N, C-alpha and C. Protein backbone atom coordinates (compact mmCIF):
# COMPACT_ATOMS: atom_id res chain seq x y z
N MET A 1 -164.96 -138.21 24.62
CA MET A 1 -165.27 -137.85 25.98
C MET A 1 -165.79 -136.41 26.05
N PHE A 2 -165.10 -135.51 25.35
CA PHE A 2 -165.49 -134.10 25.37
C PHE A 2 -166.89 -133.91 24.79
N PHE A 3 -167.16 -134.58 23.68
CA PHE A 3 -168.45 -134.44 23.00
C PHE A 3 -169.59 -134.99 23.86
N VAL A 4 -169.39 -136.15 24.46
CA VAL A 4 -170.42 -136.76 25.31
C VAL A 4 -170.64 -135.89 26.55
N ALA A 5 -169.58 -135.38 27.13
CA ALA A 5 -169.72 -134.50 28.29
C ALA A 5 -170.43 -133.21 27.91
N GLY A 6 -170.16 -132.71 26.71
CA GLY A 6 -170.85 -131.51 26.23
C GLY A 6 -172.33 -131.75 26.03
N LEU A 7 -172.69 -132.91 25.47
CA LEU A 7 -174.10 -133.25 25.32
C LEU A 7 -174.79 -133.33 26.69
N ALA A 8 -174.11 -133.94 27.64
CA ALA A 8 -174.69 -134.05 28.97
C ALA A 8 -174.84 -132.68 29.63
N GLU A 9 -173.86 -131.81 29.44
CA GLU A 9 -173.93 -130.48 30.03
C GLU A 9 -175.05 -129.64 29.40
N LEU A 10 -175.28 -129.83 28.12
CA LEU A 10 -176.37 -129.10 27.46
C LEU A 10 -177.74 -129.67 27.79
N GLN A 11 -177.77 -130.80 28.47
CA GLN A 11 -179.00 -131.50 28.81
C GLN A 11 -179.82 -131.81 27.57
N ARG A 12 -179.13 -132.23 26.53
CA ARG A 12 -179.78 -132.67 25.30
C ARG A 12 -179.99 -134.17 25.38
N PRO A 13 -181.01 -134.68 24.71
CA PRO A 13 -181.17 -136.14 24.69
C PRO A 13 -179.93 -136.79 24.11
N PRO A 14 -179.51 -137.88 24.62
CA PRO A 14 -180.13 -138.79 25.58
C PRO A 14 -179.90 -138.43 27.04
N PHE A 15 -179.37 -137.26 27.35
CA PHE A 15 -179.04 -136.89 28.72
C PHE A 15 -179.97 -135.83 29.29
N ASP A 16 -181.23 -135.83 28.90
CA ASP A 16 -182.14 -134.77 29.36
C ASP A 16 -183.04 -135.23 30.49
N ALA A 17 -182.47 -135.87 31.49
CA ALA A 17 -183.24 -136.37 32.63
C ALA A 17 -183.96 -135.26 33.39
N PRO A 18 -183.41 -134.03 33.56
CA PRO A 18 -184.17 -133.00 34.28
C PRO A 18 -185.50 -132.63 33.60
N LEU A 19 -185.57 -132.71 32.28
CA LEU A 19 -186.82 -132.38 31.59
C LEU A 19 -187.70 -133.60 31.37
N ALA A 20 -187.17 -134.79 31.56
CA ALA A 20 -187.91 -136.00 31.22
C ALA A 20 -189.10 -136.24 32.14
N ASP A 21 -188.99 -135.89 33.42
CA ASP A 21 -190.09 -136.19 34.33
C ASP A 21 -191.29 -135.28 34.10
N ALA A 22 -191.07 -134.08 33.62
CA ALA A 22 -192.16 -133.16 33.35
C ALA A 22 -192.30 -133.02 31.84
N GLU A 23 -192.73 -134.07 31.19
CA GLU A 23 -192.70 -134.15 29.73
C GLU A 23 -193.75 -133.28 29.05
N LEU A 24 -194.66 -132.70 29.80
CA LEU A 24 -195.70 -131.88 29.24
C LEU A 24 -195.08 -130.66 28.55
N VAL A 25 -195.13 -130.62 27.27
CA VAL A 25 -194.59 -129.58 26.39
C VAL A 25 -193.08 -129.45 26.61
N MET A 26 -192.61 -128.54 27.44
CA MET A 26 -191.17 -128.34 27.66
C MET A 26 -190.84 -128.38 29.15
N GLY A 27 -191.58 -129.14 29.92
CA GLY A 27 -191.26 -129.28 31.33
C GLY A 27 -191.44 -127.98 32.09
N PRO A 28 -190.39 -127.54 32.80
CA PRO A 28 -190.52 -126.32 33.61
C PRO A 28 -190.63 -125.04 32.78
N LEU A 29 -190.41 -125.12 31.49
CA LEU A 29 -190.47 -123.93 30.64
C LEU A 29 -191.88 -123.61 30.16
N THR A 30 -192.89 -124.39 30.57
CA THR A 30 -194.25 -124.15 30.09
C THR A 30 -194.83 -122.86 30.64
N GLU A 31 -194.28 -122.37 31.75
CA GLU A 31 -194.78 -121.13 32.34
C GLU A 31 -194.42 -119.92 31.50
N TYR A 32 -193.41 -120.05 30.69
CA TYR A 32 -192.96 -118.91 29.90
C TYR A 32 -193.65 -118.91 28.55
N GLY A 33 -193.98 -117.75 28.09
CA GLY A 33 -194.60 -117.64 26.78
C GLY A 33 -193.93 -116.56 25.98
N GLY A 34 -194.08 -116.64 24.68
CA GLY A 34 -193.58 -115.60 23.81
C GLY A 34 -192.08 -115.46 23.83
N MET A 35 -191.62 -114.26 24.11
CA MET A 35 -190.21 -113.93 23.99
C MET A 35 -189.36 -114.62 25.07
N ARG A 36 -189.87 -114.81 26.26
CA ARG A 36 -189.09 -115.48 27.30
C ARG A 36 -188.81 -116.93 26.91
N PHE A 37 -189.81 -117.60 26.38
CA PHE A 37 -189.63 -118.98 25.92
C PHE A 37 -188.63 -119.02 24.76
N ALA A 38 -188.73 -118.06 23.86
CA ALA A 38 -187.80 -117.99 22.73
C ALA A 38 -186.37 -117.78 23.20
N MET A 39 -186.18 -117.00 24.27
CA MET A 39 -184.84 -116.77 24.79
C MET A 39 -184.25 -118.04 25.40
N PHE A 40 -185.08 -118.86 26.06
CA PHE A 40 -184.59 -120.14 26.59
C PHE A 40 -184.16 -121.06 25.44
N LEU A 41 -184.96 -121.12 24.39
CA LEU A 41 -184.59 -121.96 23.25
C LEU A 41 -183.36 -121.41 22.53
N LEU A 42 -183.26 -120.09 22.43
CA LEU A 42 -182.09 -119.48 21.80
C LEU A 42 -180.83 -119.78 22.61
N ALA A 43 -180.94 -119.74 23.93
CA ALA A 43 -179.79 -120.08 24.78
C ALA A 43 -179.38 -121.53 24.60
N GLU A 44 -180.36 -122.42 24.41
CA GLU A 44 -180.04 -123.83 24.19
C GLU A 44 -179.28 -124.01 22.87
N TYR A 45 -179.74 -123.36 21.82
CA TYR A 45 -179.06 -123.49 20.54
C TYR A 45 -177.73 -122.73 20.52
N ALA A 46 -177.60 -121.67 21.29
CA ALA A 46 -176.30 -121.00 21.42
C ALA A 46 -175.30 -121.92 22.10
N GLY A 47 -175.76 -122.70 23.09
CA GLY A 47 -174.90 -123.69 23.73
C GLY A 47 -174.44 -124.76 22.76
N ILE A 48 -175.32 -125.14 21.83
CA ILE A 48 -174.95 -126.12 20.81
C ILE A 48 -173.85 -125.56 19.92
N VAL A 49 -173.98 -124.31 19.53
CA VAL A 49 -172.96 -123.68 18.67
C VAL A 49 -171.64 -123.54 19.42
N VAL A 50 -171.69 -123.20 20.69
CA VAL A 50 -170.45 -123.09 21.49
C VAL A 50 -169.77 -124.45 21.61
N LEU A 51 -170.55 -125.50 21.90
CA LEU A 51 -169.98 -126.85 21.97
C LEU A 51 -169.36 -127.24 20.63
N ALA A 52 -170.06 -126.94 19.54
CA ALA A 52 -169.55 -127.28 18.21
C ALA A 52 -168.28 -126.49 17.89
N ALA A 53 -168.25 -125.22 18.26
CA ALA A 53 -167.06 -124.40 17.99
C ALA A 53 -165.86 -124.90 18.79
N LEU A 54 -166.07 -125.21 20.07
CA LEU A 54 -164.96 -125.74 20.87
C LEU A 54 -164.47 -127.08 20.34
N THR A 55 -165.40 -127.93 19.94
CA THR A 55 -165.00 -129.23 19.39
C THR A 55 -164.23 -129.05 18.10
N ALA A 56 -164.69 -128.15 17.24
CA ALA A 56 -164.02 -127.92 15.96
C ALA A 56 -162.62 -127.36 16.16
N VAL A 57 -162.48 -126.42 17.07
CA VAL A 57 -161.17 -125.79 17.26
C VAL A 57 -160.21 -126.70 18.02
N LEU A 58 -160.70 -127.37 19.07
CA LEU A 58 -159.80 -128.17 19.90
C LEU A 58 -159.46 -129.53 19.32
N PHE A 59 -160.42 -130.16 18.62
CA PHE A 59 -160.22 -131.55 18.22
C PHE A 59 -160.26 -131.80 16.71
N LEU A 60 -160.81 -130.89 15.94
CA LEU A 60 -160.94 -131.13 14.50
C LEU A 60 -160.02 -130.26 13.66
N GLY A 61 -159.06 -129.62 14.26
CA GLY A 61 -158.09 -128.87 13.49
C GLY A 61 -158.44 -127.42 13.24
N GLY A 62 -159.59 -126.97 13.68
CA GLY A 62 -159.96 -125.56 13.55
C GLY A 62 -159.99 -125.08 12.12
N TRP A 63 -159.08 -124.21 11.76
CA TRP A 63 -159.07 -123.57 10.45
C TRP A 63 -158.34 -124.37 9.38
N VAL A 64 -157.75 -125.50 9.75
CA VAL A 64 -156.99 -126.31 8.79
C VAL A 64 -157.95 -127.11 7.93
N GLY A 65 -157.83 -126.94 6.64
CA GLY A 65 -158.66 -127.69 5.70
C GLY A 65 -157.82 -128.61 4.85
N PRO A 66 -158.44 -129.39 3.99
CA PRO A 66 -157.69 -130.34 3.18
C PRO A 66 -156.89 -129.70 2.05
N TRP A 67 -157.24 -128.50 1.60
CA TRP A 67 -156.56 -127.92 0.45
C TRP A 67 -155.79 -126.66 0.77
N SER A 68 -156.49 -125.57 1.04
CA SER A 68 -155.83 -124.29 1.18
C SER A 68 -156.08 -123.71 2.56
N ASP A 69 -155.05 -123.04 3.09
CA ASP A 69 -155.21 -122.39 4.38
C ASP A 69 -155.77 -120.98 4.25
N GLN A 70 -156.02 -120.53 3.03
CA GLN A 70 -156.55 -119.18 2.84
C GLN A 70 -158.00 -119.07 3.28
N LEU A 71 -158.74 -120.15 3.23
CA LEU A 71 -160.14 -120.14 3.63
C LEU A 71 -160.33 -120.77 5.00
N GLY A 72 -159.48 -120.41 5.94
CA GLY A 72 -159.53 -121.01 7.26
C GLY A 72 -160.85 -120.78 7.97
N TRP A 73 -161.39 -119.59 7.87
CA TRP A 73 -162.65 -119.29 8.53
C TRP A 73 -163.78 -120.13 7.94
N ALA A 74 -163.72 -120.42 6.64
CA ALA A 74 -164.76 -121.23 6.00
C ALA A 74 -164.68 -122.68 6.48
N TRP A 75 -163.46 -123.21 6.62
CA TRP A 75 -163.32 -124.58 7.11
C TRP A 75 -163.80 -124.68 8.55
N THR A 76 -163.50 -123.68 9.36
CA THR A 76 -163.98 -123.68 10.74
C THR A 76 -165.50 -123.65 10.78
N LEU A 77 -166.09 -122.82 9.93
CA LEU A 77 -167.56 -122.74 9.88
C LEU A 77 -168.19 -124.04 9.41
N VAL A 78 -167.57 -124.70 8.43
CA VAL A 78 -168.08 -125.99 7.96
C VAL A 78 -168.02 -127.03 9.08
N LYS A 79 -166.93 -127.04 9.82
CA LYS A 79 -166.79 -127.99 10.92
C LYS A 79 -167.79 -127.70 12.04
N ILE A 80 -168.04 -126.43 12.33
CA ILE A 80 -169.02 -126.06 13.35
C ILE A 80 -170.42 -126.51 12.94
N VAL A 81 -170.76 -126.29 11.67
CA VAL A 81 -172.07 -126.72 11.17
C VAL A 81 -172.20 -128.24 11.24
N ALA A 82 -171.14 -128.95 10.88
CA ALA A 82 -171.19 -130.42 10.91
C ALA A 82 -171.35 -130.96 12.32
N VAL A 83 -170.64 -130.40 13.28
CA VAL A 83 -170.76 -130.85 14.67
C VAL A 83 -172.12 -130.45 15.24
N SER A 84 -172.62 -129.27 14.88
CA SER A 84 -173.96 -128.87 15.32
C SER A 84 -175.01 -129.83 14.77
N PHE A 85 -174.84 -130.26 13.53
CA PHE A 85 -175.75 -131.24 12.95
C PHE A 85 -175.71 -132.55 13.73
N LEU A 86 -174.51 -132.97 14.15
CA LEU A 86 -174.39 -134.20 14.95
C LEU A 86 -175.10 -134.08 16.30
N VAL A 87 -175.01 -132.90 16.92
CA VAL A 87 -175.66 -132.69 18.21
C VAL A 87 -177.18 -132.75 18.03
N ILE A 88 -177.68 -132.11 17.01
CA ILE A 88 -179.12 -132.12 16.76
C ILE A 88 -179.58 -133.50 16.31
N TRP A 89 -178.77 -134.18 15.54
CA TRP A 89 -179.09 -135.52 15.08
C TRP A 89 -179.13 -136.52 16.23
N ALA A 90 -178.28 -136.33 17.23
CA ALA A 90 -178.26 -137.22 18.39
C ALA A 90 -179.59 -137.16 19.15
N ARG A 91 -180.28 -136.05 19.06
CA ARG A 91 -181.57 -135.92 19.75
C ARG A 91 -182.59 -136.91 19.21
N VAL A 92 -182.61 -137.11 17.91
CA VAL A 92 -183.61 -137.99 17.31
C VAL A 92 -183.09 -139.41 17.12
N ALA A 93 -181.79 -139.60 17.16
CA ALA A 93 -181.23 -140.92 16.87
C ALA A 93 -181.14 -141.82 18.10
N TYR A 94 -180.98 -141.24 19.28
CA TYR A 94 -180.78 -142.05 20.47
C TYR A 94 -181.93 -141.86 21.45
N PRO A 95 -182.39 -142.93 22.07
CA PRO A 95 -183.48 -142.80 23.04
C PRO A 95 -182.97 -142.15 24.34
N ARG A 96 -183.90 -141.61 25.08
CA ARG A 96 -183.57 -140.97 26.35
C ARG A 96 -183.11 -142.04 27.34
N LEU A 97 -182.08 -141.70 28.10
CA LEU A 97 -181.56 -142.62 29.11
C LEU A 97 -182.24 -142.34 30.45
N ARG A 98 -182.54 -143.42 31.18
CA ARG A 98 -183.05 -143.26 32.54
C ARG A 98 -181.89 -142.86 33.45
N GLU A 99 -182.24 -142.43 34.66
CA GLU A 99 -181.19 -141.98 35.59
C GLU A 99 -180.22 -143.09 35.93
N ASP A 100 -180.70 -144.33 36.09
CA ASP A 100 -179.79 -145.43 36.40
C ASP A 100 -178.89 -145.75 35.20
N GLN A 101 -179.40 -145.57 33.99
CA GLN A 101 -178.57 -145.80 32.80
C GLN A 101 -177.52 -144.71 32.64
N VAL A 102 -177.87 -143.48 32.99
CA VAL A 102 -176.88 -142.40 32.94
C VAL A 102 -175.77 -142.65 33.94
N ASN A 103 -176.14 -143.07 35.16
CA ASN A 103 -175.12 -143.38 36.17
C ASN A 103 -174.25 -144.56 35.75
N ALA A 104 -174.87 -145.58 35.17
CA ALA A 104 -174.09 -146.74 34.71
C ALA A 104 -173.13 -146.34 33.59
N LEU A 105 -173.61 -145.52 32.66
CA LEU A 105 -172.74 -145.05 31.58
C LEU A 105 -171.58 -144.23 32.13
N ALA A 106 -171.88 -143.37 33.08
CA ALA A 106 -170.83 -142.52 33.64
C ALA A 106 -169.78 -143.33 34.38
N TRP A 107 -170.22 -144.23 35.27
CA TRP A 107 -169.27 -144.95 36.11
C TRP A 107 -168.62 -146.15 35.43
N LYS A 108 -169.33 -146.81 34.54
CA LYS A 108 -168.79 -148.02 33.92
C LYS A 108 -168.08 -147.76 32.60
N VAL A 109 -168.38 -146.65 31.94
CA VAL A 109 -167.78 -146.39 30.63
C VAL A 109 -166.94 -145.12 30.64
N LEU A 110 -167.55 -143.99 31.00
CA LEU A 110 -166.87 -142.71 30.84
C LEU A 110 -165.70 -142.53 31.81
N VAL A 111 -165.86 -142.92 33.06
CA VAL A 111 -164.76 -142.77 34.02
C VAL A 111 -163.58 -143.67 33.65
N PRO A 112 -163.77 -144.96 33.31
CA PRO A 112 -162.61 -145.76 32.89
C PRO A 112 -161.95 -145.24 31.61
N VAL A 113 -162.73 -144.75 30.66
CA VAL A 113 -162.14 -144.20 29.44
C VAL A 113 -161.34 -142.95 29.76
N ALA A 114 -161.86 -142.09 30.64
CA ALA A 114 -161.13 -140.89 31.03
C ALA A 114 -159.83 -141.23 31.76
N LEU A 115 -159.88 -142.22 32.64
CA LEU A 115 -158.66 -142.64 33.34
C LEU A 115 -157.65 -143.25 32.38
N ALA A 116 -158.14 -144.01 31.40
CA ALA A 116 -157.24 -144.57 30.39
C ALA A 116 -156.60 -143.47 29.55
N GLN A 117 -157.36 -142.44 29.22
CA GLN A 117 -156.79 -141.31 28.47
C GLN A 117 -155.74 -140.58 29.29
N ILE A 118 -156.00 -140.37 30.56
CA ILE A 118 -155.02 -139.70 31.42
C ILE A 118 -153.75 -140.55 31.52
N THR A 119 -153.91 -141.85 31.69
CA THR A 119 -152.77 -142.74 31.79
C THR A 119 -151.97 -142.74 30.50
N LEU A 120 -152.64 -142.86 29.37
CA LEU A 120 -151.96 -142.87 28.08
C LEU A 120 -151.22 -141.56 27.82
N THR A 121 -151.86 -140.44 28.14
CA THR A 121 -151.21 -139.14 27.96
C THR A 121 -149.98 -139.03 28.86
N THR A 122 -150.10 -139.47 30.10
CA THR A 122 -148.96 -139.41 31.02
C THR A 122 -147.81 -140.27 30.53
N VAL A 123 -148.11 -141.48 30.07
CA VAL A 123 -147.05 -142.37 29.58
C VAL A 123 -146.38 -141.76 28.35
N LEU A 124 -147.16 -141.20 27.44
CA LEU A 124 -146.58 -140.61 26.24
C LEU A 124 -145.75 -139.36 26.53
N VAL A 125 -146.18 -138.56 27.48
CA VAL A 125 -145.42 -137.35 27.83
C VAL A 125 -144.12 -137.72 28.54
N VAL A 126 -144.17 -138.68 29.45
CA VAL A 126 -142.96 -139.06 30.19
C VAL A 126 -141.99 -139.80 29.28
N TRP A 127 -142.52 -140.61 28.38
CA TRP A 127 -141.68 -141.38 27.49
C TRP A 127 -141.10 -140.49 26.44
């Protein structure tokens, strides 16, 4: 849920509906040239690294590796690179979703899964 929501927040494919209608080059970013355009792309990739870092720390164990805890920073970096690769790979692996498909995915899949997770967590904490 966190990873899919992060992809949607970054407006990366398959969730890039705001850029899809103006497909000419980079949509609304065509007005920018040179360094301004580079800053927009840098901000997009910085968002990917932030999503990967949060995913690695919150859900993949952060600095915990299979062998030694002395190289914790290296394991965290490996996990961040792996999750960043997954985010970039998702761009080419999955087709762009239309707005009705995004709404159907959100309401028919993501909301029930989120409610099931909340219910399961509540039952486990109370029990």
